[in-house]
């Protein structure tokens, strides 16, 4: 079971999503889910 959910609202920032997800993947916690909400 996933213990951490990270919600990323995204509105006109498509250029930054790769950097955001890379940063998230480089965290020490590895048991998480990422939820990207377009037009958030």
C-alpha atoms as a PDB file:
ATOM      1  CA  UNK A   1       0.000   0.000   0.000  1.00  0.00           C
ATOM      2  CA  UNK A   2       1.275   3.438  -0.934  1.00  0.00           C
ATOM      3  CA  UNK A   3       1.901   5.606   2.112  1.00  0.00           C
ATOM      4  CA  UNK A   4       2.534   8.927   0.398  1.00  0.00           C
ATOM      5  CA  UNK A   5       0.570  10.581  -2.399  1.00  0.00           C
ATOM      6  CA  UNK A   6       2.028  13.651  -4.069  1.00  0.00           C
ATOM      7  CA  UNK A   7      -0.496  15.750  -5.968  1.00  0.00           C
ATOM      8  CA  UNK A   8       0.990  18.067  -8.579  1.00  0.00           C
ATOM      9  CA  UNK A   9      -1.422  20.638 -10.024  1.00  0.00           C
ATOM     10  CA  UNK A  10      -0.328  21.730 -13.489  1.00  0.00           C
ATOM     11  CA  UNK A  11      -1.579  24.761 -15.376  1.00  0.00           C
ATOM     12  CA  UNK A  12       0.394  26.145 -18.332  1.00  0.00           C
ATOM     13  CA  UNK A  13       3.693  24.845 -16.899  1.00  0.00           C
ATOM     14  CA  UNK A  14       4.366  21.886 -19.185  1.00  0.00           C
ATOM     15  CA  UNK A  15       8.000  22.980 -19.486  1.00  0.00           C
ATOM     16  CA  UNK A  16       8.562  22.365 -15.773  1.00  0.00           C
ATOM     17  CA  UNK A  17       6.919  18.970 -15.289  1.00  0.00           C
ATOM     18  CA  UNK A  18      10.044  16.964 -16.175  1.00  0.00           C
ATOM     19  CA  UNK A  19      12.112  18.870 -13.610  1.00  0.00           C
ATOM     20  CA  UNK A  20       9.371  18.421 -11.018  1.00  0.00           C
ATOM     21  CA  UNK A  21       9.052  14.671 -11.581  1.00  0.00           C
ATOM     22  CA  UNK A  22      12.842  14.215 -11.664  1.00  0.00           C
ATOM     23  CA  UNK A  23      13.076  15.983  -8.319  1.00  0.00           C
ATOM     24  CA  UNK A  24      10.338  13.793  -6.897  1.00  0.00           C
ATOM     25  CA  UNK A  25      12.070  10.613  -8.098  1.00  0.00           C
ATOM     26  CA  UNK A  26      15.341  11.692  -6.479  1.00  0.00           C
ATOM     27  CA  UNK A  27      13.852  11.775  -2.974  1.00  0.00           C
ATOM     28  CA  UNK A  28      14.894   9.263  -0.330  1.00  0.00           C
ATOM     29  CA  UNK A  29      11.327   8.005   0.076  1.00  0.00           C
ATOM     30  CA  UNK A  30      10.573   5.553  -2.719  1.00  0.00           C
ATOM     31  CA  UNK A  31       7.106   4.316  -1.775  1.00  0.00           C
ATOM     32  CA  UNK A  32       4.882   7.035  -3.220  1.00  0.00           C
ATOM     33  CA  UNK A  33       2.436   7.754  -5.976  1.00  0.00           C
ATOM     34  CA  UNK A  34       2.449  10.900  -8.103  1.00  0.00           C
ATOM     35  CA  UNK A  35      -0.846  12.336  -9.261  1.00  0.00           C
ATOM     36  CA  UNK A  36      -0.528  15.033 -11.923  1.00  0.00           C
ATOM     37  CA  UNK A  37      -3.679  17.112 -12.356  1.00  0.00           C
ATOM     38  CA  UNK A  38      -3.780  18.953 -15.683  1.00  0.00           C
ATOM     39  CA  UNK A  39      -5.458  22.371 -15.640  1.00  0.00           C
ATOM     40  CA  UNK A  40      -5.211  22.270 -11.846  1.00  0.00           C
END
